[in-house]
Amino acid sequence: MSSQALSRGGYELRIRNGGRPALWHRAALPNDPRKDPSMSKYAFGKTVAMDFATAVDRVTQALAAQGFGVLTEIDVAATMKKKLGLDMPPYRILGACNPQFAHQALEAQPEIGALLPCNVVVRTDAAGAVRVEFMDPDAVLRLVDHPAVATLAGQVRARLVSVMDAL
């Protein structure tokens, strides 16, 4: 099956022969170079060339530059050590929130709070490399069937991609 693709302003319109057109956001395209092929359908991220503590600081600064604050910080490695006696490489979950976007989402769909905030993971993998991974708002907020939320998800994702690109 062949297809045609037109691209403009970060979006691509794909038209398959005999099929319906489909609009794809560039950051969600299968061939997007920013999308690490090892990532899941609900997260995107990359390996960064810095130590763990520097990565946490840089992510926090880059989030702030895009209007996000870190509301929660979970040290998973410390929790696993304390609760289960397990040693694991550094692993931190940052609960990031952009108040304007959160307010709009809650106004549109009050129960959406169960899907907030946007989690950002900074971790050291088995090979010793530092990874930064972002919850994909487009994927997660597809669970909510509300047009205003879909628009917000795209805007939040674009800002999180900007955070990733700044690292």
C-alpha atoms as a PDB file:
ATOM      1  CA  MET A   1       0.000   0.000   0.000  1.00  0.00           C
ATOM      2  CA  SER A   2       1.520   3.307  -1.013  1.00  0.00           C
ATOM      3  CA  SER A   3       0.880   6.677   0.543  1.00  0.00           C
ATOM      4  CA  GLN A   4       1.417  10.385  -0.004  1.00  0.00           C
ATOM      5  CA  ALA A   5       2.514  12.796   2.690  1.00  0.00           C
ATOM      6  CA  LEU A   6       2.332  16.573   2.908  1.00  0.00           C
ATOM      7  CA  SER A   7       4.124  18.364   5.737  1.00  0.00           C
ATOM      8  CA  ARG A   8       3.631  21.893   7.055  1.00  0.00           C
ATOM      9  CA  GLY A   9       4.125  23.620  10.399  1.00  0.00           C
ATOM     10  CA  GLY A  10       4.917  20.542  12.444  1.00  0.00           C
ATOM     11  CA  TYR A  11       2.033  18.495  11.101  1.00  0.00           C
ATOM     12  CA  GLU A  12       1.920  15.904   8.367  1.00  0.00           C
ATOM     13  CA  LEU A  13      -1.113  14.898   6.357  1.00  0.00           C
ATOM     14  CA  ARG A  14      -0.841  11.306   5.199  1.00  0.00           C
ATOM     15  CA  ILE A  15      -3.116  10.027   2.488  1.00  0.00           C
ATOM     16  CA  ARG A  16      -3.104   6.326   1.755  1.00  0.00           C
ATOM     17  CA  ASN A  17      -4.256   5.153  -1.669  1.00  0.00           C
ATOM     18  CA  GLY A  18      -7.903   4.304  -1.362  1.00  0.00           C
ATOM     19  CA  GLY A  19      -7.907   5.406   2.283  1.00  0.00           C
ATOM     20  CA  ARG A  20      -8.832   8.355   4.391  1.00  0.00           C
ATOM     21  CA  PRO A  21      -6.445  11.213   5.154  1.00  0.00           C
ATOM     22  CA  ALA A  22      -4.849  11.156   8.598  1.00  0.00           C
ATOM     23  CA  LEU A  23      -3.319  14.182  10.363  1.00  0.00           C
ATOM     24  CA  TRP A  24      -0.234  13.358  12.430  1.00  0.00           C
ATOM     25  CA  HIS A  25       1.580  15.724  14.788  1.00  0.00           C
ATOM     26  CA  ARG A  26       5.278  15.662  13.851  1.00  0.00           C
ATOM     27  CA  ALA A  27       6.335  14.665  17.373  1.00  0.00           C
ATOM     28  CA  ALA A  28       4.078  11.597  17.140  1.00  0.00           C
ATOM     29  CA  LEU A  29       5.264  10.416  13.728  1.00  0.00           C
ATOM     30  CA  PRO A  30       6.874   6.978  13.658  1.00  0.00           C
ATOM     31  CA  ASN A  31      10.008   8.409  11.990  1.00  0.00           C
ATOM     32  CA  ASP A  32      10.406  11.389  14.307  1.00  0.00           C
ATOM     33  CA  PRO A  33      14.127  11.526  15.175  1.00  0.00           C
ATOM     34  CA  ARG A  34      13.301  12.854  18.656  1.00  0.00           C
ATOM     35  CA  LYS A  35      11.280   9.724  19.428  1.00  0.00           C
ATOM     36  CA  ASP A  36      13.564   7.037  20.832  1.00  0.00           C
ATOM     37  CA  PRO A  37      12.481   3.720  19.268  1.00  0.00           C
ATOM     38  CA  SER A  38      13.069   1.955  22.592  1.00  0.00           C
ATOM     39  CA  MET A  39      10.330   4.023  24.273  1.00  0.00           C
ATOM     40  CA  SER A  40       6.788   2.902  24.872  1.00  0.00           C
ATOM     41  CA  LYS A  41       3.561   4.241  23.416  1.00  0.00           C
ATOM     42  CA  TYR A  42       3.054   6.382  26.524  1.00  0.00           C
ATOM     43  CA  ALA A  43       6.494   7.965  27.000  1.00  0.00           C
ATOM     44  CA  PHE A  44       9.313   9.577  25.063  1.00  0.00           C
ATOM     45  CA  GLY A  45      12.828  10.509  26.099  1.00  0.00           C
ATOM     46  CA  LYS A  46      16.526  10.290  25.499  1.00  0.00           C
ATOM     47  CA  THR A  47      19.886   9.451  26.991  1.00  0.00           C
ATOM     48  CA  VAL A  48      21.765  12.534  28.203  1.00  0.00           C
ATOM     49  CA  ALA A  49      25.513  13.072  28.516  1.00  0.00           C
ATOM     50  CA  MET A  50      25.599  14.213  32.138  1.00  0.00           C
ATOM     51  CA  ASP A  51      25.599  12.708  35.608  1.00  0.00           C
ATOM     52  CA  PHE A  52      22.344  11.938  37.420  1.00  0.00           C
ATOM     53  CA  ALA A  53      22.311  14.967  39.780  1.00  0.00           C
ATOM     54  CA  THR A  54      23.121  17.362  36.945  1.00  0.00           C
ATOM     55  CA  ALA A  55      20.354  15.810  34.839  1.00  0.00           C
ATOM     56  CA  VAL A  56      17.776  16.336  37.619  1.00  0.00           C
ATOM     57  CA  ASP A  57      18.857  19.985  37.950  1.00  0.00           C
ATOM     58  CA  ARG A  58      18.874  20.611  34.185  1.00  0.00           C
ATOM     59  CA  VAL A  59      15.450  18.975  33.710  1.00  0.00           C
ATOM     60  CA  THR A  60      14.000  21.088  36.536  1.00  0.00           C
ATOM     61  CA  GLN A  61      15.444  24.268  34.971  1.00  0.00           C
ATOM     62  CA  ALA A  62      14.226  23.342  31.472  1.00  0.00           C
ATOM     63  CA  LEU A  63      10.748  22.590  32.847  1.00  0.00           C
ATOM     64  CA  ALA A  64      10.674  26.007  34.544  1.00  0.00           C
ATOM     65  CA  ALA A  65      11.639  27.677  31.268  1.00  0.00           C
ATOM     66  CA  GLN A  66       8.512  26.106  29.733  1.00  0.00           C
ATOM     67  CA  GLY A  67       6.219  27.199  32.604  1.00  0.00           C
ATOM     68  CA  PHE A  68       6.272  23.958  34.633  1.00  0.00           C
ATOM     69  CA  GLY A  69       6.979  23.614  38.323  1.00  0.00           C
ATOM     70  CA  VAL A  70       7.940  20.376  40.028  1.00  0.00           C
ATOM     71  CA  LEU A  71       5.190  19.625  42.554  1.00  0.00           C
ATOM     72  CA  THR A  72       6.444  16.231  43.659  1.00  0.00           C
ATOM     73  CA  GLU A  73       9.776  14.473  43.635  1.00  0.00           C
ATOM     74  CA  ILE A  74       9.892  10.753  44.345  1.00  0.00           C
ATOM     75  CA  ASP A  75      13.256   9.116  44.966  1.00  0.00           C
ATOM     76  CA  VAL A  76      12.333   5.603  43.846  1.00  0.00           C
ATOM     77  CA  ALA A  77      15.754   4.121  44.647  1.00  0.00           C
ATOM     78  CA  ALA A  78      15.619   5.418  48.244  1.00  0.00           C
ATOM     79  CA  THR A  79      12.047   4.177  48.656  1.00  0.00           C
ATOM     80  CA  MET A  80      12.929   0.684  47.373  1.00  0.00           C
ATOM     81  CA  LYS A  81      15.902   0.571  49.737  1.00  0.00           C
ATOM     82  CA  LYS A  82      13.855   1.703  52.744  1.00  0.00           C
ATOM     83  CA  LYS A  83      10.711  -0.357  52.108  1.00  0.00           C
ATOM     84  CA  LEU A  84      12.121  -3.498  50.477  1.00  0.00           C
ATOM     85  CA  GLY A  85      15.835  -3.443  51.257  1.00  0.00           C
ATOM     86  CA  LEU A  86      16.602  -3.408  47.524  1.00  0.00           C
ATOM     87  CA  ASP A  87      19.464  -1.572  45.889  1.00  0.00           C
ATOM     88  CA  MET A  88      18.826  -0.041  42.499  1.00  0.00           C
ATOM     89  CA  PRO A  89      20.420   2.661  40.339  1.00  0.00           C
ATOM     90  CA  PRO A  90      19.295   6.267  40.873  1.00  0.00           C
ATOM     91  CA  TYR A  91      15.698   6.760  39.760  1.00  0.00           C
ATOM     92  CA  ARG A  92      13.686   9.941  40.341  1.00  0.00           C
ATOM     93  CA  ILE A  93      10.117  10.764  39.316  1.00  0.00           C
ATOM     94  CA  LEU A  94       9.362  14.473  38.987  1.00  0.00           C
ATOM     95  CA  GLY A  95       5.689  15.481  39.013  1.00  0.00           C
ATOM     96  CA  ALA A  96       5.658  18.486  36.671  1.00  0.00           C
ATOM     97  CA  CYS A  97       2.736  20.885  36.397  1.00  0.00           C
ATOM     98  CA  ASN A  98       2.010  23.932  34.290  1.00  0.00           C
ATOM     99  CA  PRO A  99      -0.700  25.730  36.320  1.00  0.00           C
ATOM    100  CA  GLN A 100      -2.384  27.377  33.317  1.00  0.00           C
ATOM    101  CA  PHE A 101      -2.722  24.102  31.422  1.00  0.00           C
ATOM    102  CA  ALA A 102      -3.793  22.221  34.558  1.00  0.00           C
ATOM    103  CA  HIS A 103      -6.501  24.811  35.264  1.00  0.00           C
ATOM    104  CA  GLN A 104      -7.846  24.586  31.711  1.00  0.00           C
ATOM    105  CA  ALA A 105      -7.890  20.792  31.843  1.00  0.00           C
ATOM    106  CA  LEU A 106      -9.657  20.720  35.211  1.00  0.00           C
ATOM    107  CA  GLU A 107     -12.241  23.230  33.984  1.00  0.00           C
ATOM    108  CA  ALA A 108     -12.963  21.063  30.935  1.00  0.00           C
ATOM    109  CA  GLN A 109     -12.981  17.735  32.777  1.00  0.00           C
ATOM    110  CA  PRO A 110     -12.810  17.896  36.619  1.00  0.00           C
ATOM    111  CA  GLU A 111     -11.919  14.207  37.060  1.00  0.00           C
ATOM    112  CA  ILE A 112      -8.816  14.622  34.866  1.00  0.00           C
ATOM    113  CA  GLY A 113      -6.859  15.251  38.064  1.00  0.00           C
ATOM    114  CA  ALA A 114      -6.408  11.471  38.239  1.00  0.00           C
ATOM    115  CA  LEU A 115      -4.082  11.809  35.208  1.00  0.00           C
ATOM    116  CA  LEU A 116      -2.089  14.783  36.527  1.00  0.00           C
ATOM    117  CA  PRO A 117       0.683  15.879  36.931  1.00  0.00           C
ATOM    118  CA  CYS A 118       2.948  15.075  33.989  1.00  0.00           C
ATOM    119  CA  ASN A 119       5.600  12.684  35.212  1.00  0.00           C
ATOM    120  CA  VAL A 120       9.204  13.083  34.150  1.00  0.00           C
ATOM    121  CA  VAL A 121      11.640  10.299  35.018  1.00  0.00           C
ATOM    122  CA  VAL A 122      15.370  10.770  35.458  1.00  0.00           C
ATOM    123  CA  ARG A 123      17.124   7.448  35.912  1.00  0.00           C
ATOM    124  CA  THR A 124      20.384   5.623  35.500  1.00  0.00           C
ATOM    125  CA  ASP A 125      19.958   2.557  33.286  1.00  0.00           C
ATOM    126  CA  ALA A 126      21.668  -0.830  33.657  1.00  0.00           C
ATOM    127  CA  ALA A 127      24.589   0.315  31.492  1.00  0.00           C
ATOM    128  CA  GLY A 128      25.167   3.400  33.681  1.00  0.00           C
ATOM    129  CA  ALA A 129      23.753   5.913  31.198  1.00  0.00           C
ATOM    130  CA  VAL A 130      21.394   8.644  32.415  1.00  0.00           C
ATOM    131  CA  ARG A 131      17.958   8.652  30.768  1.00  0.00           C
ATOM    132  CA  VAL A 132      15.276  11.358  30.894  1.00  0.00           C
ATOM    133  CA  GLU A 133      11.791  10.143  30.005  1.00  0.00           C
ATOM    134  CA  PHE A 134       8.541  12.071  29.744  1.00  0.00           C
ATOM    135  CA  MET A 135       4.960  10.897  30.073  1.00  0.00           C
ATOM    136  CA  ASP A 136       3.375  11.506  26.667  1.00  0.00           C
ATOM    137  CA  PRO A 137       0.303  13.705  27.305  1.00  0.00           C
ATOM    138  CA  ASP A 138      -1.099  12.871  23.846  1.00  0.00           C
ATOM    139  CA  ALA A 139      -1.134   9.173  24.680  1.00  0.00           C
ATOM    140  CA  VAL A 140      -2.389   9.483  28.251  1.00  0.00           C
ATOM    141  CA  LEU A 141      -5.003  12.156  27.626  1.00  0.00           C
ATOM    142  CA  ARG A 142      -6.516  10.202  24.729  1.00  0.00           C
ATOM    143  CA  LEU A 143      -8.336   8.430  27.542  1.00  0.00           C
ATOM    144  CA  VAL A 144     -10.377  11.615  27.973  1.00  0.00           C
ATOM    145  CA  ASP A 145     -12.953  12.121  25.242  1.00  0.00           C
ATOM    146  CA  HIS A 146     -13.043  15.920  25.227  1.00  0.00           C
ATOM    147  CA  PRO A 147     -11.864  18.165  22.355  1.00  0.00           C
ATOM    148  CA  ALA A 148     -10.482  20.879  24.647  1.00  0.00           C
ATOM    149  CA  VAL A 149      -8.379  18.296  26.492  1.00  0.00           C
ATOM    150  CA  ALA A 150      -7.017  16.930  23.210  1.00  0.00           C
ATOM    151  CA  THR A 151      -5.887  20.433  22.226  1.00  0.00           C
ATOM    152  CA  LEU A 152      -4.250  20.959  25.617  1.00  0.00           C
ATOM    153  CA  ALA A 153      -2.488  17.600  25.386  1.00  0.00           C
ATOM    154  CA  GLY A 154      -0.846  18.649  22.139  1.00  0.00           C
ATOM    155  CA  GLN A 155       0.282  21.951  23.637  1.00  0.00           C
ATOM    156  CA  VAL A 156       1.683  20.282  26.757  1.00  0.00           C
ATOM    157  CA  ARG A 157       3.471  17.663  24.656  1.00  0.00           C
ATOM    158  CA  ALA A 158       5.075  20.357  22.511  1.00  0.00           C
ATOM    159  CA  ARG A 159       6.437  22.051  25.634  1.00  0.00           C
ATOM    160  CA  LEU A 160       7.747  18.760  27.038  1.00  0.00           C
ATOM    161  CA  VAL A 161       9.474  18.027  23.713  1.00  0.00           C
ATOM    162  CA  SER A 162      11.071  21.483  24.031  1.00  0.00           C
ATOM    163  CA  VAL A 163      12.293  20.522  27.514  1.00  0.00           C
ATOM    164  CA  MET A 164      13.773  17.308  26.116  1.00  0.00           C
ATOM    165  CA  ASP A 165      15.409  19.171  23.234  1.00  0.00           C
ATOM    166  CA  ALA A 166      16.987  21.628  25.698  1.00  0.00           C
ATOM    167  CA  LEU A 167      18.855  18.849  27.511  1.00  0.00           C
END
